[in-house]
């Protein structure tokens, strides 16, 4: 287990070193206004931050709405018949 972690850490170091060397080749041109070099440099940085685990987790939110099927069915039937205004159950908006 320890050797596996060391292998991953070593591999991570090697990959980061490669990316840094590659990024160095695009940095000056990017700073001089070369848009293609700037785009490539930013892609390299994204890969580097992903390898290092620096991306913030994406926050997701979900809402769950439960409906009473019998009420929905009654409202549907009333709408189909054109008598929605005559229902004792108010239509929600």
PDB file of N, CA and C in Angstrom:
ATOM      1  N   UNK A   1       0.829  -1.194   0.000  1.00  0.00           N
ATOM      2  CA  UNK A   1       0.000   0.000   0.000  1.00  0.00           C
ATOM      3  C   UNK A   1       0.874   1.259   0.000  1.00  0.00           C
ATOM      4  N   UNK A   2       1.885   1.287   0.872  1.00  0.00           N
ATOM      5  CA  UNK A   2       2.781   2.437   0.947  1.00  0.00           C
ATOM      6  C   UNK A   2       3.546   2.598  -0.360  1.00  0.00           C
ATOM      7  N   UNK A   3       3.990   1.488  -0.928  1.00  0.00           N
ATOM      8  CA  UNK A   3       4.728   1.541  -2.186  1.00  0.00           C
ATOM      9  C   UNK A   3       3.843   2.035  -3.320  1.00  0.00           C
ATOM     10  N   UNK A   4       2.542   1.660  -3.285  1.00  0.00           N
ATOM     11  CA  UNK A   4       1.598   2.128  -4.295  1.00  0.00           C
ATOM     12  C   UNK A   4       1.419   3.639  -4.211  1.00  0.00           C
ATOM     13  N   UNK A   5       1.333   4.177  -2.982  1.00  0.00           N
ATOM     14  CA  UNK A   5       1.205   5.624  -2.791  1.00  0.00           C
ATOM     15  C   UNK A   5       2.459   6.342  -3.274  1.00  0.00           C
ATOM     16  N   UNK A   6       3.622   5.767  -2.965  1.00  0.00           N
ATOM     17  CA  UNK A   6       4.875   6.370  -3.418  1.00  0.00           C
ATOM     18  C   UNK A   6       4.940   6.370  -4.939  1.00  0.00           C
ATOM     19  N   UNK A   7       4.471   5.284  -5.552  1.00  0.00           N
ATOM     20  CA  UNK A   7       4.457   5.219  -7.007  1.00  0.00           C
ATOM     21  C   UNK A   7       3.563   6.308  -7.594  1.00  0.00           C
ATOM     22  N   UNK A   8       2.390   6.497  -7.005  1.00  0.00           N
ATOM     23  CA  UNK A   8       1.484   7.540  -7.479  1.00  0.00           C
ATOM     24  C   UNK A   8       2.083   8.923  -7.283  1.00  0.00           C
ATOM     25  N   UNK A   9       2.689   9.148  -6.127  1.00  0.00           N
ATOM     26  CA  UNK A   9       3.316  10.443  -5.865  1.00  0.00           C
ATOM     27  C   UNK A   9       4.452  10.710  -6.842  1.00  0.00           C
ATOM     28  N   UNK A  10       5.253   9.695  -7.098  1.00  0.00           N
ATOM     29  CA  UNK A  10       6.379   9.837  -8.035  1.00  0.00           C
ATOM     30  C   UNK A  10       5.864  10.106  -9.440  1.00  0.00           C
ATOM     31  N   UNK A  11       4.837   9.364  -9.847  1.00  0.00           N
ATOM     32  CA  UNK A  11       4.242   9.567 -11.163  1.00  0.00           C
ATOM     33  C   UNK A  11       3.676  10.978 -11.278  1.00  0.00           C
ATOM     34  N   UNK A  12       3.023  11.437 -10.222  1.00  0.00           N
ATOM     35  CA  UNK A  12       2.467  12.794 -10.206  1.00  0.00           C
ATOM     36  C   UNK A  12       3.594  13.817 -10.376  1.00  0.00           C
ATOM     37  N   UNK A  13       4.692  13.635  -9.659  1.00  0.00           N
ATOM     38  CA  UNK A  13       5.842  14.539  -9.779  1.00  0.00           C
ATOM     39  C   UNK A  13       6.383  14.560 -11.203  1.00  0.00           C
ATOM     40  N   UNK A  14       6.495  13.391 -11.813  1.00  0.00           N
ATOM     41  CA  UNK A  14       7.015  13.298 -13.177  1.00  0.00           C
ATOM     42  C   UNK A  14       6.101  14.028 -14.151  1.00  0.00           C
ATOM     43  N   UNK A  15       4.794  13.797 -14.027  1.00  0.00           N
ATOM     44  CA  UNK A  15       3.835  14.439 -14.935  1.00  0.00           C
ATOM     45  C   UNK A  15       3.806  15.956 -14.752  1.00  0.00           C
ATOM     46  N   UNK A  16       3.892  16.405 -13.518  1.00  0.00           N
ATOM     47  CA  UNK A  16       3.920  17.852 -13.254  1.00  0.00           C
ATOM     48  C   UNK A  16       5.175  18.464 -13.864  1.00  0.00           C
ATOM     49  N   UNK A  17       6.309  17.793 -13.735  1.00  0.00           N
ATOM     50  CA  UNK A  17       7.560  18.299 -14.318  1.00  0.00           C
ATOM     51  C   UNK A  17       7.440  18.412 -15.837  1.00  0.00           C
ATOM     52  N   UNK A  18       6.816  17.417 -16.467  1.00  0.00           N
ATOM     53  CA  UNK A  18       6.614  17.469 -17.916  1.00  0.00           C
ATOM     54  C   UNK A  18       5.735  18.654 -18.305  1.00  0.00           C
ATOM     55  N   UNK A  19       4.634  18.826 -17.561  1.00  0.00           N
ATOM     56  CA  UNK A  19       3.720  19.933 -17.862  1.00  0.00           C
ATOM     57  C   UNK A  19       4.381  21.281 -17.664  1.00  0.00           C
ATOM     58  N   UNK A  20       5.184  21.413 -16.615  1.00  0.00           N
ATOM     59  CA  UNK A  20       5.890  22.679 -16.384  1.00  0.00           C
ATOM     60  C   UNK A  20       6.866  22.982 -17.508  1.00  0.00           C
ATOM     61  N   UNK A  21       7.583  21.961 -17.967  1.00  0.00           N
ATOM     62  CA  UNK A  21       8.524  22.145 -19.078  1.00  0.00           C
ATOM     63  C   UNK A  21       7.771  22.551 -20.341  1.00  0.00           C
ATOM     64  N   UNK A  22       6.648  21.913 -20.595  1.00  0.00           N
ATOM     65  CA  UNK A  22       5.824  22.245 -21.754  1.00  0.00           C
ATOM     66  C   UNK A  22       5.255  23.661 -21.628  1.00  0.00           C
ATOM     67  N   UNK A  23       4.778  24.012 -20.438  1.00  0.00           N
ATOM     68  CA  UNK A  23       4.191  25.339 -20.212  1.00  0.00           C
ATOM     69  C   UNK A  23       5.228  26.436 -20.430  1.00  0.00           C
ATOM     70  N   UNK A  24       6.457  26.179 -20.032  1.00  0.00           N
ATOM     71  CA  UNK A  24       7.526  27.172 -20.219  1.00  0.00           C
ATOM     72  C   UNK A  24       7.691  27.550 -21.685  1.00  0.00           C
ATOM     73  N   UNK A  25       7.451  26.607 -22.572  1.00  0.00           N
ATOM     74  CA  UNK A  25       7.610  26.868 -24.006  1.00  0.00           C
ATOM     75  C   UNK A  25       6.544  27.831 -24.539  1.00  0.00           C
ATOM     76  N   UNK A  26       5.416  27.917 -23.884  1.00  0.00           N
ATOM     77  CA  UNK A  26       4.317  28.766 -24.352  1.00  0.00           C
ATOM     78  C   UNK A  26       4.175  30.069 -23.563  1.00  0.00           C
ATOM     79  N   UNK A  27       4.798  30.151 -22.410  1.00  0.00           N
ATOM     80  CA  UNK A  27       4.570  31.278 -21.508  1.00  0.00           C
ATOM     81  C   UNK A  27       4.932  32.629 -22.120  1.00  0.00           C
ATOM     82  N   UNK A  28       6.146  32.772 -22.648  1.00  0.00           N
ATOM     83  CA  UNK A  28       6.580  34.070 -23.184  1.00  0.00           C
ATOM     84  C   UNK A  28       5.723  34.515 -24.358  1.00  0.00           C
ATOM     85  N   UNK A  29       5.418  33.590 -25.264  1.00  0.00           N
ATOM     86  CA  UNK A  29       4.573  33.941 -26.412  1.00  0.00           C
ATOM     87  C   UNK A  29       3.174  34.339 -25.944  1.00  0.00           C
ATOM     88  N   UNK A  30       2.679  33.641 -24.935  1.00  0.00           N
ATOM     89  CA  UNK A  30       1.355  33.979 -24.401  1.00  0.00           C
ATOM     90  C   UNK A  30       1.359  35.373 -23.812  1.00  0.00           C
ATOM     91  N   UNK A  31       2.398  35.702 -23.070  1.00  0.00           N
ATOM     92  CA  UNK A  31       2.511  37.038 -22.470  1.00  0.00           C
ATOM     93  C   UNK A  31       2.692  38.123 -23.524  1.00  0.00           C
ATOM     94  N   UNK A  32       3.250  37.748 -24.674  1.00  0.00           N
ATOM     95  CA  UNK A  32       3.463  38.711 -25.762  1.00  0.00           C
ATOM     96  C   UNK A  32       2.198  38.916 -26.596  1.00  0.00           C
ATOM     97  N   UNK A  33       1.126  38.194 -26.271  1.00  0.00           N
ATOM     98  CA  UNK A  33      -0.141  38.408 -26.968  1.00  0.00           C
ATOM     99  C   UNK A  33      -0.522  37.336 -27.963  1.00  0.00           C
ATOM    100  N   UNK A  34       0.252  36.278 -28.062  1.00  0.00           N
ATOM    101  CA  UNK A  34      -0.096  35.186 -28.970  1.00  0.00           C
ATOM    102  C   UNK A  34      -1.264  34.398 -28.360  1.00  0.00           C
ATOM    103  N   UNK A  35      -2.422  34.558 -28.968  1.00  0.00           N
ATOM    104  CA  UNK A  35      -3.649  33.968 -28.406  1.00  0.00           C
ATOM    105  C   UNK A  35      -3.619  32.440 -28.404  1.00  0.00           C
ATOM    106  N   UNK A  36      -3.062  31.847 -29.445  1.00  0.00           N
ATOM    107  CA  UNK A  36      -2.985  30.382 -29.499  1.00  0.00           C
ATOM    108  C   UNK A  36      -2.069  29.863 -28.388  1.00  0.00           C
ATOM    109  N   UNK A  37      -0.951  30.537 -28.174  1.00  0.00           N
ATOM    110  CA  UNK A  37      -0.035  30.140 -27.096  1.00  0.00           C
ATOM    111  C   UNK A  37      -0.695  30.325 -25.733  1.00  0.00           C
ATOM    112  N   UNK A  38      -1.447  31.412 -25.587  1.00  0.00           N
ATOM    113  CA  UNK A  38      -2.137  31.666 -24.319  1.00  0.00           C
ATOM    114  C   UNK A  38      -3.164  30.580 -24.045  1.00  0.00           C
ATOM    115  N   UNK A  39      -3.892  30.189 -25.081  1.00  0.00           N
ATOM    116  CA  UNK A  39      -4.892  29.129 -24.925  1.00  0.00           C
ATOM    117  C   UNK A  39      -4.225  27.805 -24.557  1.00  0.00           C
ATOM    118  N   UNK A  40      -3.144  27.486 -25.225  1.00  0.00           N
ATOM    119  CA  UNK A  40      -2.416  26.251 -24.935  1.00  0.00           C
ATOM    120  C   UNK A  40      -1.859  26.273 -23.524  1.00  0.00           C
ATOM    121  N   UNK A  41      -1.305  27.416 -23.131  1.00  0.00           N
ATOM    122  CA  UNK A  41      -0.744  27.562 -21.787  1.00  0.00           C
ATOM    123  C   UNK A  41      -1.825  27.343 -20.727  1.00  0.00           C
ATOM    124  N   UNK A  42      -2.995  27.922 -20.945  1.00  0.00           N
ATOM    125  CA  UNK A  42      -4.096  27.756 -19.985  1.00  0.00           C
ATOM    126  C   UNK A  42      -4.571  26.305 -19.915  1.00  0.00           C
ATOM    127  N   UNK A  43      -4.590  25.616 -21.042  1.00  0.00           N
ATOM    128  CA  UNK A  43      -4.966  24.198 -21.032  1.00  0.00           C
ATOM    129  C   UNK A  43      -3.950  23.381 -20.237  1.00  0.00           C
ATOM    130  N   UNK A  44      -2.696  23.718 -20.366  1.00  0.00           N
ATOM    131  CA  UNK A  44      -1.650  23.025 -19.600  1.00  0.00           C
ATOM    132  C   UNK A  44      -1.842  23.287 -18.112  1.00  0.00           C
ATOM    133  N   UNK A  45      -2.148  24.533 -17.762  1.00  0.00           N
ATOM    134  CA  UNK A  45      -2.394  24.852 -16.352  1.00  0.00           C
ATOM    135  C   UNK A  45      -3.600  24.098 -15.801  1.00  0.00           C
ATOM    136  N   UNK A  46      -4.640  23.972 -16.605  1.00  0.00           N
ATOM    137  CA  UNK A  46      -5.824  23.212 -16.166  1.00  0.00           C
ATOM    138  C   UNK A  46      -5.460  21.771 -15.866  1.00  0.00           C
ATOM    139  N   UNK A  47      -4.661  21.184 -16.747  1.00  0.00           N
ATOM    140  CA  UNK A  47      -4.242  19.799 -16.540  1.00  0.00           C
ATOM    141  C   UNK A  47      -3.393  19.669 -15.280  1.00  0.00           C
ATOM    142  N   UNK A  48      -2.523  20.643 -15.078  1.00  0.00           N
ATOM    143  CA  UNK A  48      -1.655  20.625 -13.889  1.00  0.00           C
ATOM    144  C   UNK A  48      -2.484  20.724 -12.610  1.00  0.00           C
ATOM    145  N   UNK A  49      -3.449  21.627 -12.587  1.00  0.00           N
ATOM    146  CA  UNK A  49      -4.273  21.771 -11.382  1.00  0.00           C
ATOM    147  C   UNK A  49      -5.140  20.543 -11.151  1.00  0.00           C
ATOM    148  N   UNK A  50      -5.555  19.882 -12.239  1.00  0.00           N
ATOM    149  CA  UNK A  50      -6.345  18.653 -12.096  1.00  0.00           C
ATOM    150  C   UNK A  50      -5.485  17.553 -11.473  1.00  0.00           C
ATOM    151  N   UNK A  51      -4.257  17.417 -11.934  1.00  0.00           N
ATOM    152  CA  UNK A  51      -3.355  16.398 -11.390  1.00  0.00           C
ATOM    153  C   UNK A  51      -3.069  16.665  -9.913  1.00  0.00           C
ATOM    154  N   UNK A  52      -2.941  17.932  -9.578  1.00  0.00           N
ATOM    155  CA  UNK A  52      -2.656  18.299  -8.184  1.00  0.00           C
ATOM    156  C   UNK A  52      -3.903  18.278  -7.296  1.00  0.00           C
ATOM    157  N   UNK A  53      -5.066  18.117  -7.902  1.00  0.00           N
ATOM    158  CA  UNK A  53      -6.304  18.069  -7.123  1.00  0.00           C
ATOM    159  C   UNK A  53      -6.737  19.423  -6.612  1.00  0.00           C
ATOM    160  N   UNK A  54      -6.449  20.468  -7.362  1.00  0.00           N
ATOM    161  CA  UNK A  54      -6.766  21.826  -6.910  1.00  0.00           C
ATOM    162  C   UNK A  54      -8.123  22.331  -7.377  1.00  0.00           C
ATOM    163  N   UNK A  55      -8.820  21.546  -8.189  1.00  0.00           N
ATOM    164  CA  UNK A  55     -10.145  21.977  -8.634  1.00  0.00           C
ATOM    165  C   UNK A  55     -11.121  21.892  -7.471  1.00  0.00           C
ATOM    166  N   UNK A  56     -11.881  22.955  -7.299  1.00  0.00           N
ATOM    167  CA  UNK A  56     -12.907  22.950  -6.251  1.00  0.00           C
ATOM    168  C   UNK A  56     -14.037  22.019  -6.680  1.00  0.00           C
ATOM    169  N   UNK A  57     -14.605  21.306  -5.746  1.00  0.00           N
ATOM    170  CA  UNK A  57     -15.723  20.438  -6.118  1.00  0.00           C
ATOM    171  C   UNK A  57     -16.915  21.267  -6.591  1.00  0.00           C
ATOM    172  N   UNK A  58     -17.661  20.711  -7.508  1.00  0.00           N
ATOM    173  CA  UNK A  58     -18.842  21.385  -8.038  1.00  0.00           C
ATOM    174  C   UNK A  58     -19.991  21.146  -7.071  1.00  0.00           C
ATOM    175  N   UNK A  59     -20.671  22.232  -6.720  1.00  0.00           N
ATOM    176  CA  UNK A  59     -21.804  22.112  -5.805  1.00  0.00           C
ATOM    177  C   UNK A  59     -23.064  21.887  -6.610  1.00  0.00           C
ATOM    178  N   UNK A  60     -23.820  20.903  -6.222  1.00  0.00           N
ATOM    179  CA  UNK A  60     -25.087  20.598  -6.887  1.00  0.00           C
ATOM    180  C   UNK A  60     -26.216  20.689  -5.873  1.00  0.00           C
ATOM    181  N   UNK A  61     -27.331  21.183  -6.345  1.00  0.00           N
ATOM    182  CA  UNK A  61     -28.520  21.232  -5.499  1.00  0.00           C
ATOM    183  C   UNK A  61     -29.669  20.607  -6.261  1.00  0.00           C
ATOM    184  N   UNK A  62     -30.514  19.932  -5.528  1.00  0.00           N
ATOM    185  CA  UNK A  62     -31.647  19.289  -6.152  1.00  0.00           C
ATOM    186  C   UNK A  62     -32.862  19.461  -5.241  1.00  0.00           C
ATOM    187  N   UNK A  63     -33.977  19.758  -5.857  1.00  0.00           N
ATOM    188  CA  UNK A  63     -35.225  19.856  -5.110  1.00  0.00           C
ATOM    189  C   UNK A  63     -36.122  18.703  -5.528  1.00  0.00           C
ATOM    190  N   UNK A  64     -36.780  18.116  -4.568  1.00  0.00           N
ATOM    191  CA  UNK A  64     -37.702  17.017  -4.843  1.00  0.00           C
ATOM    192  C   UNK A  64     -39.103  17.491  -4.513  1.00  0.00           C
ATOM    193  N   UNK A  65     -39.980  17.352  -5.486  1.00  0.00           N
ATOM    194  CA  UNK A  65     -41.370  17.765  -5.300  1.00  0.00           C
ATOM    195  C   UNK A  65     -42.241  16.520  -5.427  1.00  0.00           C
ATOM    196  N   UNK A  66     -43.027  16.274  -4.421  1.00  0.00           N
ATOM    197  CA  UNK A  66     -43.950  15.138  -4.442  1.00  0.00           C
ATOM    198  C   UNK A  66     -45.352  15.649  -4.744  1.00  0.00           C
ATOM    199  N   UNK A  67     -46.013  14.986  -5.671  1.00  0.00           N
ATOM    200  CA  UNK A  67     -47.374  15.352  -6.035  1.00  0.00           C
ATOM    201  C   UNK A  67     -48.314  14.203  -5.705  1.00  0.00           C
ATOM    202  N   UNK A  68     -49.510  14.569  -5.307  1.00  0.00           N
ATOM    203  CA  UNK A  68     -50.560  13.579  -5.107  1.00  0.00           C
ATOM    204  C   UNK A  68     -51.161  13.295  -6.482  1.00  0.00           C
ATOM    205  N   UNK A  69     -50.951  12.087  -6.980  1.00  0.00           N
ATOM    206  CA  UNK A  69     -51.371  11.731  -8.332  1.00  0.00           C
ATOM    207  C   UNK A  69     -52.880  11.867  -8.501  1.00  0.00           C
ATOM    208  N   UNK A  70     -53.636  11.564  -7.472  1.00  0.00           N
ATOM    209  CA  UNK A  70     -55.095  11.651  -7.615  1.00  0.00           C
ATOM    210  C   UNK A  70     -55.527  13.105  -7.842  1.00  0.00           C
ATOM    211  N   UNK A  71     -54.887  14.036  -7.168  1.00  0.00           N
ATOM    212  CA  UNK A  71     -55.218  15.457  -7.371  1.00  0.00           C
ATOM    213  C   UNK A  71     -54.812  15.897  -8.767  1.00  0.00           C
ATOM    214  N   UNK A  72     -53.630  15.483  -9.202  1.00  0.00           N
ATOM    215  CA  UNK A  72     -53.180  15.840 -10.548  1.00  0.00           C
ATOM    216  C   UNK A  72     -54.107  15.261 -11.609  1.00  0.00           C
ATOM    217  N   UNK A  73     -54.540  14.017 -11.411  1.00  0.00           N
ATOM    218  CA  UNK A  73     -55.439  13.377 -12.367  1.00  0.00           C
ATOM    219  C   UNK A  73     -56.764  14.144 -12.430  1.00  0.00           C
ATOM    220  N   UNK A  74     -57.292  14.539 -11.264  1.00  0.00           N
ATOM    221  CA  UNK A  74     -58.556  15.281 -11.239  1.00  0.00           C
ATOM    222  C   UNK A  74     -58.397  16.633 -11.932  1.00  0.00           C
ATOM    223  N   UNK A  75     -57.298  17.315 -11.671  1.00  0.00           N
ATOM    224  CA  UNK A  75     -57.073  18.609 -12.320  1.00  0.00           C
ATOM    225  C   UNK A  75     -56.935  18.444 -13.829  1.00  0.00           C
ATOM    226  N   UNK A  76     -56.256  17.392 -14.247  1.00  0.00           N
ATOM    227  CA  UNK A  76     -56.107  17.119 -15.679  1.00  0.00           C
ATOM    228  C   UNK A  76     -57.474  16.885 -16.328  1.00  0.00           C
ATOM    229  N   UNK A  77     -58.275  16.058 -15.696  1.00  0.00           N
ATOM    230  CA  UNK A  77     -59.602  15.758 -16.234  1.00  0.00           C
ATOM    231  C   UNK A  77     -60.448  17.027 -16.323  1.00  0.00           C
ATOM    232  N   UNK A  78     -60.376  17.863 -15.316  1.00  0.00           N
ATOM    233  CA  UNK A  78     -61.138  19.113 -15.337  1.00  0.00           C
ATOM    234  C   UNK A  78     -60.656  20.039 -16.452  1.00  0.00           C
ATOM    235  N   UNK A  79     -59.357  20.073 -16.662  1.00  0.00           N
ATOM    236  CA  UNK A  79     -58.823  20.897 -17.750  1.00  0.00           C
ATOM    237  C   UNK A  79     -59.283  20.380 -19.106  1.00  0.00           C
ATOM    238  N   UNK A  80     -59.269  19.073 -19.259  1.00  0.00           N
ATOM    239  CA  UNK A  80     -59.691  18.467 -20.523  1.00  0.00           C
ATOM    240  C   UNK A  80     -61.159  18.784 -20.800  1.00  0.00           C
ATOM    241  N   UNK A  81     -61.976  18.714 -19.769  1.00  0.00           N
ATOM    242  CA  UNK A  81     -63.410  18.999 -19.925  1.00  0.00           C
ATOM    243  C   UNK A  81     -63.700  20.497 -19.981  1.00  0.00           C
ATOM    244  N   UNK A  82     -62.711  21.312 -19.666  1.00  0.00           N
ATOM    245  CA  UNK A  82     -62.910  22.757 -19.713  1.00  0.00           C
ATOM    246  C   UNK A  82     -63.634  23.307 -18.513  1.00  0.00           C
ATOM    247  N   UNK A  83     -63.608  22.572 -17.409  1.00  0.00           N
ATOM    248  CA  UNK A  83     -64.329  23.015 -16.217  1.00  0.00           C
ATOM    249  C   UNK A  83     -63.369  23.250 -15.055  1.00  0.00           C
ATOM    250  N   UNK A  84     -62.162  23.674 -15.366  1.00  0.00           N
ATOM    251  CA  UNK A  84     -61.149  23.827 -14.319  1.00  0.00           C
ATOM    252  C   UNK A  84     -61.574  24.819 -13.252  1.00  0.00           C
ATOM    253  N   UNK A  85     -62.355  25.821 -13.602  1.00  0.00           N
ATOM    254  CA  UNK A  85     -62.755  26.829 -12.629  1.00  0.00           C
ATOM    255  C   UNK A  85     -63.809  26.332 -11.648  1.00  0.00           C
ATOM    256  N   UNK A  86     -64.417  25.198 -11.919  1.00  0.00           N
ATOM    257  CA  UNK A  86     -65.477  24.681 -11.063  1.00  0.00           C
ATOM    258  C   UNK A  86     -64.980  23.672 -10.043  1.00  0.00           C
ATOM    259  N   UNK A  87     -63.676  23.432  -9.957  1.00  0.00           N
ATOM    260  CA  UNK A  87     -63.134  22.428  -9.072  1.00  0.00           C
ATOM    261  C   UNK A  87     -63.084  22.937  -7.623  1.00  0.00           C
ATOM    262  N   UNK A  88     -63.300  22.016  -6.695  1.00  0.00           N
ATOM    263  CA  UNK A  88     -63.146  22.371  -5.298  1.00  0.00           C
ATOM    264  C   UNK A  88     -61.676  22.374  -4.906  1.00  0.00           C
ATOM    265  N   UNK A  89     -60.825  21.818  -5.758  1.00  0.00           N
ATOM    266  CA  UNK A  89     -59.384  21.792  -5.506  1.00  0.00           C
ATOM    267  C   UNK A  89     -58.748  22.890  -6.361  1.00  0.00           C
ATOM    268  N   UNK A  90     -58.107  23.874  -5.712  1.00  0.00           N
ATOM    269  CA  UNK A  90     -57.533  24.990  -6.494  1.00  0.00           C
ATOM    270  C   UNK A  90     -56.360  24.504  -7.351  1.00  0.00           C
ATOM    271  N   UNK A  91     -56.291  25.020  -8.569  1.00  0.00           N
ATOM    272  CA  UNK A  91     -55.149  24.743  -9.434  1.00  0.00           C
ATOM    273  C   UNK A  91     -53.955  25.544  -8.961  1.00  0.00           C
ATOM    274  N   UNK A  92     -52.848  24.874  -8.788  1.00  0.00           N
ATOM    275  CA  UNK A  92     -51.632  25.553  -8.339  1.00  0.00           C
ATOM    276  C   UNK A  92     -50.949  26.202  -9.523  1.00  0.00           C
ATOM    277  N   UNK A  93     -50.284  27.295  -9.258  1.00  0.00           N
ATOM    278  CA  UNK A  93     -49.574  27.993 -10.326  1.00  0.00           C
ATOM    279  C   UNK A  93     -48.105  27.999 -10.038  1.00  0.00           C
TER     280      UNK A  93
END
